[in-house]
Amino acid sequence: WWIKCAVGVNDDGNPLAKAYHQILVWDIMKRPLA
């Protein structure tokens, strides 16, 4: 959310925000120990 606020909360196409979102989705789905 800090990234989203820095680049624009409605800018869903920002590469950094998209990459971090993909990590969060992966974490929610896989829940790895790390």
Full PDB file with SEQRES, HELIX, SHEET, SSBOND, CRYST1, ORIGX, SCALE, CONECT and MASTER records, all heavy atoms in Angstrom:
SEQRES   1 A   34  TRP TRP ILE LYS CYS ALA VAL GLY VAL ASN ASP ASP GLY          
SEQRES   2 A   34  ASN PRO LEU ALA LYS ALA TYR HIS GLN ILE LEU VAL TRP          
SEQRES   3 A   34  ASP ILE MET LYS ARG PRO LEU ALA                              
HELIX    1 AA1 TRP A    2  VAL A    7  1                                   6    
HELIX    2 AA2 PRO A   15  LYS A   30  1                                  16    
CRYST1    1.000    1.000    1.000  90.00  90.00  90.00 P 1           1          
ORIGX1      1.000000  0.000000  0.000000        0.00000                         
ORIGX2      0.000000  1.000000  0.000000        0.00000                         
ORIGX3      0.000000  0.000000  1.000000        0.00000                         
SCALE1      1.000000  0.000000  0.000000        0.00000                         
SCALE2      0.000000  1.000000  0.000000        0.00000                         
SCALE3      0.000000  0.000000  1.000000        0.00000                         
ATOM      1  N   TRP A   1       0.820  -1.202   0.000  1.00  0.00           N  
ATOM      2  CA  TRP A   1       0.000   0.000   0.000  1.00  0.00           C  
ATOM      3  C   TRP A   1       0.859   1.259   0.000  1.00  0.00           C  
ATOM      4  O   TRP A   1       0.453   2.285  -0.554  1.00  0.00           O  
ATOM      5  CB  TRP A   1      -0.968  -0.035   1.183  1.00  0.00           C  
ATOM      6  CG  TRP A   1      -2.116  -0.931   0.882  1.00  0.00           C  
ATOM      7  CD1 TRP A   1      -2.338  -2.194   1.354  1.00  0.00           C  
ATOM      8  CD2 TRP A   1      -3.190  -0.650  -0.018  1.00  0.00           C  
ATOM      9  NE1 TRP A   1      -3.469  -2.719   0.798  1.00  0.00           N  
ATOM     10  CE2 TRP A   1      -4.016  -1.800  -0.041  1.00  0.00           C  
ATOM     11  CE3 TRP A   1      -3.524   0.442  -0.807  1.00  0.00           C  
ATOM     12  CZ2 TRP A   1      -5.171  -1.860  -0.823  1.00  0.00           C  
ATOM     13  CZ3 TRP A   1      -4.665   0.384  -1.592  1.00  0.00           C  
ATOM     14  CH2 TRP A   1      -5.476  -0.758  -1.593  1.00  0.00           C  
ATOM     15  N   TRP A   2       2.028   1.213   0.569  1.00  0.00           N  
ATOM     16  CA  TRP A   2       2.926   2.365   0.477  1.00  0.00           C  
ATOM     17  C   TRP A   2       3.355   2.594  -0.975  1.00  0.00           C  
ATOM     18  O   TRP A   2       3.410   3.733  -1.445  1.00  0.00           O  
ATOM     19  CB  TRP A   2       4.151   2.159   1.369  1.00  0.00           C  
ATOM     20  CG  TRP A   2       3.807   2.077   2.824  1.00  0.00           C  
ATOM     21  CD1 TRP A   2       2.659   2.514   3.424  1.00  0.00           C  
ATOM     22  CD2 TRP A   2       4.614   1.517   3.860  1.00  0.00           C  
ATOM     23  NE1 TRP A   2       2.704   2.257   4.786  1.00  0.00           N  
ATOM     24  CE2 TRP A   2       3.895   1.651   5.079  1.00  0.00           C  
ATOM     25  CE3 TRP A   2       5.863   0.908   3.902  1.00  0.00           C  
ATOM     26  CZ2 TRP A   2       4.393   1.213   6.298  1.00  0.00           C  
ATOM     27  CZ3 TRP A   2       6.367   0.461   5.116  1.00  0.00           C  
ATOM     28  CH2 TRP A   2       5.636   0.622   6.301  1.00  0.00           C  
ATOM     29  N   ILE A   3       3.631   1.494  -1.671  1.00  0.00           N  
ATOM     30  CA  ILE A   3       3.978   1.616  -3.095  1.00  0.00           C  
ATOM     31  C   ILE A   3       2.797   2.198  -3.871  1.00  0.00           C  
ATOM     32  O   ILE A   3       2.958   3.121  -4.685  1.00  0.00           O  
ATOM     33  CB  ILE A   3       4.384   0.246  -3.673  1.00  0.00           C  
ATOM     34  CG1 ILE A   3       5.695  -0.241  -3.034  1.00  0.00           C  
ATOM     35  CG2 ILE A   3       4.526   0.318  -5.199  1.00  0.00           C  
ATOM     36  CD1 ILE A   3       6.020  -1.686  -3.345  1.00  0.00           C  
ATOM     37  N   LYS A   4       1.599   1.653  -3.621  1.00  0.00           N  
ATOM     38  CA  LYS A   4       0.412   2.142  -4.318  1.00  0.00           C  
ATOM     39  C   LYS A   4       0.197   3.629  -4.077  1.00  0.00           C  
ATOM     40  O   LYS A   4      -0.133   4.385  -4.998  1.00  0.00           O  
ATOM     41  CB  LYS A   4      -0.817   1.366  -3.863  1.00  0.00           C  
ATOM     42  CG  LYS A   4      -0.891  -0.056  -4.363  1.00  0.00           C  
ATOM     43  CD  LYS A   4      -1.390  -0.121  -5.798  1.00  0.00           C  
ATOM     44  CE  LYS A   4      -2.868   0.199  -5.887  1.00  0.00           C  
ATOM     45  NZ  LYS A   4      -3.363   0.110  -7.294  1.00  0.00           N  
ATOM     46  N   CYS A   5       0.357   4.062  -2.849  1.00  0.00           N  
ATOM     47  CA  CYS A   5       0.164   5.469  -2.525  1.00  0.00           C  
ATOM     48  C   CYS A   5       1.236   6.339  -3.171  1.00  0.00           C  
ATOM     49  O   CYS A   5       0.967   7.469  -3.602  1.00  0.00           O  
ATOM     50  CB  CYS A   5       0.174   5.667  -1.014  1.00  0.00           C  
ATOM     51  SG  CYS A   5      -1.311   5.026  -0.186  1.00  0.00           S  
ATOM     52  N   ALA A   6       2.456   5.835  -3.272  1.00  0.00           N  
ATOM     53  CA  ALA A   6       3.550   6.614  -3.855  1.00  0.00           C  
ATOM     54  C   ALA A   6       3.397   6.772  -5.371  1.00  0.00           C  
ATOM     55  O   ALA A   6       3.696   7.841  -5.921  1.00  0.00           O  
ATOM     56  CB  ALA A   6       4.885   5.955  -3.524  1.00  0.00           C  
ATOM     57  N   VAL A   7       2.934   5.715  -6.046  1.00  0.00           N  
ATOM     58  CA  VAL A   7       2.843   5.772  -7.511  1.00  0.00           C  
ATOM     59  C   VAL A   7       1.469   6.207  -7.995  1.00  0.00           C  
ATOM     60  O   VAL A   7       1.289   6.521  -9.175  1.00  0.00           O  
ATOM     61  CB  VAL A   7       3.200   4.398  -8.138  1.00  0.00           C  
ATOM     62  CG1 VAL A   7       4.590   3.964  -7.714  1.00  0.00           C  
ATOM     63  CG2 VAL A   7       2.155   3.331  -7.799  1.00  0.00           C  
ATOM     64  N   GLY A   8       0.479   6.220  -7.093  1.00  0.00           N  
ATOM     65  CA  GLY A   8      -0.898   6.553  -7.459  1.00  0.00           C  
ATOM     66  C   GLY A   8      -1.810   5.389  -7.142  1.00  0.00           C  
ATOM     67  O   GLY A   8      -1.650   4.310  -7.726  1.00  0.00           O  
ATOM     68  N   VAL A   9      -2.754   5.609  -6.228  1.00  0.00           N  
ATOM     69  CA  VAL A   9      -3.581   4.497  -5.748  1.00  0.00           C  
ATOM     70  C   VAL A   9      -4.417   3.877  -6.869  1.00  0.00           C  
ATOM     71  O   VAL A   9      -4.830   2.717  -6.773  1.00  0.00           O  
ATOM     72  CB  VAL A   9      -4.502   4.948  -4.595  1.00  0.00           C  
ATOM     73  CG1 VAL A   9      -3.694   5.229  -3.345  1.00  0.00           C  
ATOM     74  CG2 VAL A   9      -5.326   6.171  -4.987  1.00  0.00           C  
ATOM     75  N   ASN A  10      -4.665   4.624  -7.940  1.00  0.00           N  
ATOM     76  CA  ASN A  10      -5.470   4.097  -9.043  1.00  0.00           C  
ATOM     77  C   ASN A  10      -4.624   3.629 -10.226  1.00  0.00           C  
ATOM     78  O   ASN A  10      -5.174   3.256 -11.267  1.00  0.00           O  
ATOM     79  CB  ASN A  10      -6.456   5.177  -9.519  1.00  0.00           C  
ATOM     80  CG  ASN A  10      -7.436   5.569  -8.428  1.00  0.00           C  
ATOM     81  OD1 ASN A  10      -7.994   4.706  -7.757  1.00  0.00           O  
ATOM     82  ND2 ASN A  10      -7.642   6.866  -8.245  1.00  0.00           N  
ATOM     83  N   ASP A  11      -3.303   3.647 -10.049  1.00  0.00           N  
ATOM     84  CA  ASP A  11      -2.410   3.222 -11.128  1.00  0.00           C  
ATOM     85  C   ASP A  11      -2.130   1.724 -10.983  1.00  0.00           C  
ATOM     86  O   ASP A  11      -1.107   1.306 -10.437  1.00  0.00           O  
ATOM     87  CB  ASP A  11      -1.104   4.021 -11.075  1.00  0.00           C  
ATOM     88  CG  ASP A  11      -0.164   3.684 -12.232  1.00  0.00           C  
ATOM     89  OD1 ASP A  11      -0.546   2.841 -13.073  1.00  0.00           O  
ATOM     90  OD2 ASP A  11       0.939   4.249 -12.283  1.00  0.00           O  
ATOM     91  N   ASP A  12      -3.065   0.912 -11.479  1.00  0.00           N  
ATOM     92  CA  ASP A  12      -2.927  -0.544 -11.361  1.00  0.00           C  
ATOM     93  C   ASP A  12      -1.888  -1.117 -12.321  1.00  0.00           C  
ATOM     94  O   ASP A  12      -1.519  -2.288 -12.203  1.00  0.00           O  
ATOM     95  CB  ASP A  12      -4.276  -1.218 -11.621  1.00  0.00           C  
ATOM     96  CG  ASP A  12      -5.310  -0.863 -10.561  1.00  0.00           C  
ATOM     97  OD1 ASP A  12      -4.909  -0.638  -9.397  1.00  0.00           O  
ATOM     98  OD2 ASP A  12      -6.506  -0.797 -10.897  1.00  0.00           O  
ATOM     99  N   GLY A  13      -1.432  -0.308 -13.251  1.00  0.00           N  
ATOM    100  CA  GLY A  13      -0.463  -0.806 -14.222  1.00  0.00           C  
ATOM    101  C   GLY A  13       0.977  -0.556 -13.850  1.00  0.00           C  
ATOM    102  O   GLY A  13       1.886  -0.965 -14.593  1.00  0.00           O  
ATOM    103  N   ASN A  14       1.237   0.082 -12.713  1.00  0.00           N  
ATOM    104  CA  ASN A  14       2.619   0.355 -12.332  1.00  0.00           C  
ATOM    105  C   ASN A  14       3.385  -0.955 -12.153  1.00  0.00           C  
ATOM    106  O   ASN A  14       2.931  -1.848 -11.420  1.00  0.00           O  
ATOM    107  CB  ASN A  14       2.639   1.162 -11.039  1.00  0.00           C  
ATOM    108  CG  ASN A  14       4.045   1.470 -10.580  1.00  0.00           C  
ATOM    109  OD1 ASN A  14       4.640   0.706  -9.830  1.00  0.00           O  
ATOM    110  ND2 ASN A  14       4.583   2.591 -11.037  1.00  0.00           N  
ATOM    111  N   PRO A  15       4.553  -1.099 -12.774  1.00  0.00           N  
ATOM    112  CA  PRO A  15       5.286  -2.377 -12.724  1.00  0.00           C  
ATOM    113  C   PRO A  15       5.652  -2.813 -11.311  1.00  0.00           C  
ATOM    114  O   PRO A  15       5.561  -4.005 -10.982  1.00  0.00           O  
ATOM    115  CB  PRO A  15       6.534  -2.102 -13.566  1.00  0.00           C  
ATOM    116  CG  PRO A  15       6.153  -0.984 -14.464  1.00  0.00           C  
ATOM    117  CD  PRO A  15       5.202  -0.136 -13.684  1.00  0.00           C  
ATOM    118  N   LEU A  16       6.081  -1.877 -10.459  1.00  0.00           N  
ATOM    119  CA  LEU A  16       6.476  -2.236  -9.099  1.00  0.00           C  
ATOM    120  C   LEU A  16       5.279  -2.697  -8.287  1.00  0.00           C  
ATOM    121  O   LEU A  16       5.349  -3.714  -7.580  1.00  0.00           O  
ATOM    122  CB  LEU A  16       7.155  -1.040  -8.419  1.00  0.00           C  
ATOM    123  CG  LEU A  16       7.694  -1.284  -7.000  1.00  0.00           C  
ATOM    124  CD1 LEU A  16       8.692  -2.434  -6.990  1.00  0.00           C  
ATOM    125  CD2 LEU A  16       8.336  -0.009  -6.459  1.00  0.00           C  
ATOM    126  N   ALA A  17       4.166  -1.969  -8.415  1.00  0.00           N  
ATOM    127  CA  ALA A  17       2.957  -2.366  -7.691  1.00  0.00           C  
ATOM    128  C   ALA A  17       2.453  -3.720  -8.184  1.00  0.00           C  
ATOM    129  O   ALA A  17       2.039  -4.574  -7.387  1.00  0.00           O  
ATOM    130  CB  ALA A  17       1.877  -1.301  -7.847  1.00  0.00           C  
ATOM    131  N   LYS A  18       2.483  -3.951  -9.489  1.00  0.00           N  
ATOM    132  CA  LYS A  18       2.028  -5.226 -10.041  1.00  0.00           C  
ATOM    133  C   LYS A  18       2.904  -6.379  -9.562  1.00  0.00           C  
ATOM    134  O   LYS A  18       2.405  -7.452  -9.202  1.00  0.00           O  
ATOM    135  CB  LYS A  18       2.034  -5.171 -11.570  1.00  0.00           C  
ATOM    136  CG  LYS A  18       0.912  -4.342 -12.175  1.00  0.00           C  
ATOM    137  CD  LYS A  18       0.999  -4.319 -13.689  1.00  0.00           C  
ATOM    138  CE  LYS A  18       0.744  -5.684 -14.284  1.00  0.00           C  
ATOM    139  NZ  LYS A  18       0.703  -5.642 -15.778  1.00  0.00           N  
ATOM    140  N   ALA A  19       4.210  -6.155  -9.529  1.00  0.00           N  
ATOM    141  CA  ALA A  19       5.128  -7.212  -9.102  1.00  0.00           C  
ATOM    142  C   ALA A  19       4.903  -7.567  -7.634  1.00  0.00           C  
ATOM    143  O   ALA A  19       4.873  -8.753  -7.270  1.00  0.00           O  
ATOM    144  CB  ALA A  19       6.573  -6.768  -9.325  1.00  0.00           C  
ATOM    145  N   TYR A  20       4.740  -6.547  -6.804  1.00  0.00           N  
ATOM    146  CA  TYR A  20       4.524  -6.824  -5.384  1.00  0.00           C  
ATOM    147  C   TYR A  20       3.179  -7.517  -5.179  1.00  0.00           C  
ATOM    148  O   TYR A  20       3.058  -8.425  -4.353  1.00  0.00           O  
ATOM    149  CB  TYR A  20       4.585  -5.526  -4.564  1.00  0.00           C  
ATOM    150  CG  TYR A  20       4.855  -5.762  -3.095  1.00  0.00           C  
ATOM    151  CD1 TYR A  20       6.093  -5.469  -2.540  1.00  0.00           C  
ATOM    152  CD2 TYR A  20       3.885  -6.314  -2.261  1.00  0.00           C  
ATOM    153  CE1 TYR A  20       6.351  -5.701  -1.200  1.00  0.00           C  
ATOM    154  CE2 TYR A  20       4.135  -6.559  -0.922  1.00  0.00           C  
ATOM    155  CZ  TYR A  20       5.368  -6.249  -0.395  1.00  0.00           C  
ATOM    156  OH  TYR A  20       5.621  -6.497   0.933  1.00  0.00           O  
ATOM    157  N   HIS A  21       2.170  -7.111  -5.953  1.00  0.00           N  
ATOM    158  CA  HIS A  21       0.862  -7.754  -5.839  1.00  0.00           C  
ATOM    159  C   HIS A  21       0.943  -9.235  -6.192  1.00  0.00           C  
ATOM    160  O   HIS A  21       0.320 -10.085  -5.547  1.00  0.00           O  
ATOM    161  CB  HIS A  21      -0.143  -7.049  -6.741  1.00  0.00           C  
ATOM    162  CG  HIS A  21      -1.537  -7.573  -6.613  1.00  0.00           C  
ATOM    163  ND1 HIS A  21      -2.055  -8.536  -7.461  1.00  0.00           N  
ATOM    164  CD2 HIS A  21      -2.515  -7.310  -5.700  1.00  0.00           C  
ATOM    165  CE1 HIS A  21      -3.292  -8.818  -7.110  1.00  0.00           C  
ATOM    166  NE2 HIS A  21      -3.593  -8.094  -6.040  1.00  0.00           N  
ATOM    167  N   GLN A  22       1.718  -9.555  -7.202  1.00  0.00           N  
ATOM    168  CA  GLN A  22       1.893 -10.959  -7.592  1.00  0.00           C  
ATOM    169  C   GLN A  22       2.541 -11.768  -6.469  1.00  0.00           C  
ATOM    170  O   GLN A  22       2.181 -12.930  -6.221  1.00  0.00           O  
ATOM    171  CB  GLN A  22       2.719 -11.049  -8.871  1.00  0.00           C  
ATOM    172  CG  GLN A  22       1.984 -10.554 -10.104  1.00  0.00           C  
ATOM    173  CD  GLN A  22       2.866 -10.492 -11.335  1.00  0.00           C  
ATOM    174  OE1 GLN A  22       4.090 -10.672 -11.244  1.00  0.00           O  
ATOM    175  NE2 GLN A  22       2.275 -10.219 -12.484  1.00  0.00           N  
ATOM    176  N   ILE A  23       3.486 -11.145  -5.765  1.00  0.00           N  
ATOM    177  CA  ILE A  23       4.115 -11.818  -4.621  1.00  0.00           C  
ATOM    178  C   ILE A  23       3.089 -12.083  -3.536  1.00  0.00           C  
ATOM    179  O   ILE A  23       3.053 -13.178  -2.940  1.00  0.00           O  
ATOM    180  CB  ILE A  23       5.277 -10.956  -4.079  1.00  0.00           C  
ATOM    181  CG1 ILE A  23       6.418 -10.899  -5.092  1.00  0.00           C  
ATOM    182  CG2 ILE A  23       5.782 -11.510  -2.745  1.00  0.00           C  
ATOM    183  CD1 ILE A  23       7.515  -9.919  -4.730  1.00  0.00           C  
ATOM    184  N   LEU A  24       2.222 -11.110  -3.274  1.00  0.00           N  
ATOM    185  CA  LEU A  24       1.204 -11.284  -2.240  1.00  0.00           C  
ATOM    186  C   LEU A  24       0.224 -12.392  -2.609  1.00  0.00           C  
ATOM    187  O   LEU A  24      -0.162 -13.197  -1.753  1.00  0.00           O  
ATOM    188  CB  LEU A  24       0.457  -9.968  -2.005  1.00  0.00           C  
ATOM    189  CG  LEU A  24       1.252  -8.825  -1.375  1.00  0.00           C  
ATOM    190  CD1 LEU A  24       0.382  -7.587  -1.250  1.00  0.00           C  
ATOM    191  CD2 LEU A  24       1.811  -9.224  -0.021  1.00  0.00           C  
ATOM    192  N   VAL A  25      -0.177 -12.436  -3.865  1.00  0.00           N  
ATOM    193  CA  VAL A  25      -1.092 -13.494  -4.312  1.00  0.00           C  
ATOM    194  C   VAL A  25      -0.421 -14.860  -4.172  1.00  0.00           C  
ATOM    195  O   VAL A  25      -1.036 -15.831  -3.685  1.00  0.00           O  
ATOM    196  CB  VAL A  25      -1.533 -13.254  -5.770  1.00  0.00           C  
ATOM    197  CG1 VAL A  25      -2.306 -14.461  -6.296  1.00  0.00           C  
ATOM    198  CG2 VAL A  25      -2.387 -11.990  -5.861  1.00  0.00           C  
ATOM    199  N   TRP A  26       0.833 -14.945  -4.575  1.00  0.00           N  
ATOM    200  CA  TRP A  26       1.586 -16.200  -4.431  1.00  0.00           C  
ATOM    201  C   TRP A  26       1.670 -16.617  -2.961  1.00  0.00           C  
ATOM    202  O   TRP A  26       1.470 -17.788  -2.617  1.00  0.00           O  
ATOM    203  CB  TRP A  26       2.986 -16.006  -5.009  1.00  0.00           C  
ATOM    204  CG  TRP A  26       3.943 -17.121  -4.696  1.00  0.00           C  
ATOM    205  CD1 TRP A  26       4.006 -18.343  -5.290  1.00  0.00           C  
ATOM    206  CD2 TRP A  26       4.974 -17.101  -3.693  1.00  0.00           C  
ATOM    207  NE1 TRP A  26       5.019 -19.099  -4.733  1.00  0.00           N  
ATOM    208  CE2 TRP A  26       5.624 -18.365  -3.747  1.00  0.00           C  
ATOM    209  CE3 TRP A  26       5.404 -16.154  -2.783  1.00  0.00           C  
ATOM    210  CZ2 TRP A  26       6.680 -18.686  -2.899  1.00  0.00           C  
ATOM    211  CZ3 TRP A  26       6.463 -16.471  -1.949  1.00  0.00           C  
ATOM    212  CH2 TRP A  26       7.083 -17.721  -2.004  1.00  0.00           C  
ATOM    213  N   ASP A  27       1.914 -15.649  -2.090  1.00  0.00           N  
ATOM    214  CA  ASP A  27       2.013 -15.945  -0.663  1.00  0.00           C  
ATOM    215  C   ASP A  27       0.689 -16.445  -0.108  1.00  0.00           C  
ATOM    216  O   ASP A  27       0.644 -17.412   0.658  1.00  0.00           O  
ATOM    217  CB  ASP A  27       2.459 -14.694   0.098  1.00  0.00           C  
ATOM    218  CG  ASP A  27       2.471 -14.905   1.593  1.00  0.00           C  
ATOM    219  OD1 ASP A  27       3.185 -15.812   2.062  1.00  0.00           O  
ATOM    220  OD2 ASP A  27       1.747 -14.179   2.311  1.00  0.00           O  
ATOM    221  N   ILE A  28      -0.418 -15.810  -0.506  1.00  0.00           N  
ATOM    222  CA  ILE A  28      -1.737 -16.222  -0.020  1.00  0.00           C  
ATOM    223  C   ILE A  28      -2.064 -17.628  -0.488  1.00  0.00           C  
ATOM    224  O   ILE A  28      -2.619 -18.438   0.268  1.00  0.00           O  
ATOM    225  CB  ILE A  28      -2.810 -15.218  -0.492  1.00  0.00           C  
ATOM    226  CG1 ILE A  28      -2.626 -13.866   0.226  1.00  0.00           C  
ATOM    227  CG2 ILE A  28      -4.212 -15.760  -0.230  1.00  0.00           C  
ATOM    228  CD1 ILE A  28      -3.464 -12.757  -0.367  1.00  0.00           C  
ATOM    229  N   MET A  29      -1.720 -17.943  -1.722  1.00  0.00           N  
ATOM    230  CA  MET A  29      -2.053 -19.252  -2.282  1.00  0.00           C  
ATOM    231  C   MET A  29      -1.144 -20.361  -1.749  1.00  0.00           C  
ATOM    232  O   MET A  29      -1.610 -21.465  -1.434  1.00  0.00           O  
ATOM    233  CB  MET A  29      -1.959 -19.203  -3.809  1.00  0.00           C  
ATOM    234  CG  MET A  29      -2.924 -18.222  -4.460  1.00  0.00           C  
ATOM    235  SD  MET A  29      -4.659 -18.595  -4.119  1.00  0.00           S  
ATOM    236  CE  MET A  29      -4.816 -20.159  -4.980  1.00  0.00           C  
ATOM    237  N   LYS A  30       0.145 -20.087  -1.632  1.00  0.00           N  
ATOM    238  CA  LYS A  30       1.117 -21.131  -1.286  1.00  0.00           C  
ATOM    239  C   LYS A  30       1.479 -21.164   0.197  1.00  0.00           C  
ATOM    240  O   LYS A  30       1.857 -22.214   0.718  1.00  0.00           O  
ATOM    241  CB  LYS A  30       2.394 -20.943  -2.112  1.00  0.00           C  
ATOM    242  CG  LYS A  30       2.171 -21.000  -3.615  1.00  0.00           C  
ATOM    243  CD  LYS A  30       1.666 -22.366  -4.051  1.00  0.00           C  
ATOM    244  CE  LYS A  30       1.555 -22.449  -5.570  1.00  0.00           C  
ATOM    245  NZ  LYS A  30       1.048 -23.771  -6.015  1.00  0.00           N  
ATOM    246  N   ARG A  31       1.434 -19.996   0.852  1.00  0.00           N  
ATOM    247  CA  ARG A  31       1.766 -19.871   2.271  1.00  0.00           C  
ATOM    248  C   ARG A  31       3.090 -20.571   2.624  1.00  0.00           C  
ATOM    249  O   ARG A  31       3.142 -21.456   3.489  1.00  0.00           O  
ATOM    250  CB  ARG A  31       0.639 -20.414   3.150  1.00  0.00           C  
ATOM    251  CG  ARG A  31      -0.664 -19.673   2.943  1.00  0.00           C  
ATOM    252  CD  ARG A  31      -1.738 -20.103   3.916  1.00  0.00           C  
ATOM    253  NE  ARG A  31      -1.372 -19.770   5.284  1.00  0.00           N  
ATOM    254  CZ  ARG A  31      -1.511 -18.571   5.828  1.00  0.00           C  
ATOM    255  NH1 ARG A  31      -1.968 -17.565   5.109  1.00  0.00           N  
ATOM    256  NH2 ARG A  31      -1.171 -18.363   7.083  1.00  0.00           N  
ATOM    257  N   PRO A  32       4.182 -20.211   1.963  1.00  0.00           N  
ATOM    258  CA  PRO A  32       5.471 -20.839   2.272  1.00  0.00           C  
ATOM    259  C   PRO A  32       5.956 -20.440   3.660  1.00  0.00           C  
ATOM    260  O   PRO A  32       5.615 -19.369   4.186  1.00  0.00           O  
ATOM    261  CB  PRO A  32       6.406 -20.274   1.188  1.00  0.00           C  
ATOM    262  CG  PRO A  32       5.786 -18.984   0.796  1.00  0.00           C  
ATOM    263  CD  PRO A  32       4.310 -19.177   0.907  1.00  0.00           C  
ATOM    264  N   LEU A  33       6.760 -21.295   4.250  1.00  0.00           N  
ATOM    265  CA  LEU A  33       7.227 -21.075   5.618  1.00  0.00           C  
ATOM    266  C   LEU A  33       8.004 -19.764   5.740  1.00  0.00           C  
ATOM    267  O   LEU A  33       7.858 -19.033   6.727  1.00  0.00           O  
ATOM    268  CB  LEU A  33       8.100 -22.252   6.069  1.00  0.00           C  
ATOM    269  CG  LEU A  33       8.695 -22.142   7.484  1.00  0.00           C  
ATOM    270  CD1 LEU A  33       7.600 -22.039   8.539  1.00  0.00           C  
ATOM    271  CD2 LEU A  33       9.606 -23.341   7.764  1.00  0.00           C  
ATOM    272  N   ALA A  34       8.839 -19.453   4.736  1.00  0.00           N  
ATOM    273  CA  ALA A  34       9.683 -18.265   4.829  1.00  0.00           C  
ATOM    274  C   ALA A  34       8.853 -16.988   4.963  1.00  0.00           C  
ATOM    275  O   ALA A  34       9.144 -16.120   5.799  1.00  0.00           O  
ATOM    276  CB  ALA A  34      10.585 -18.175   3.603  1.00  0.00           C  
TER     277      ALA A  34                                                      
MASTER        0    0    0    2    0    0    0    6  276    1    0    3          
END                                                                             
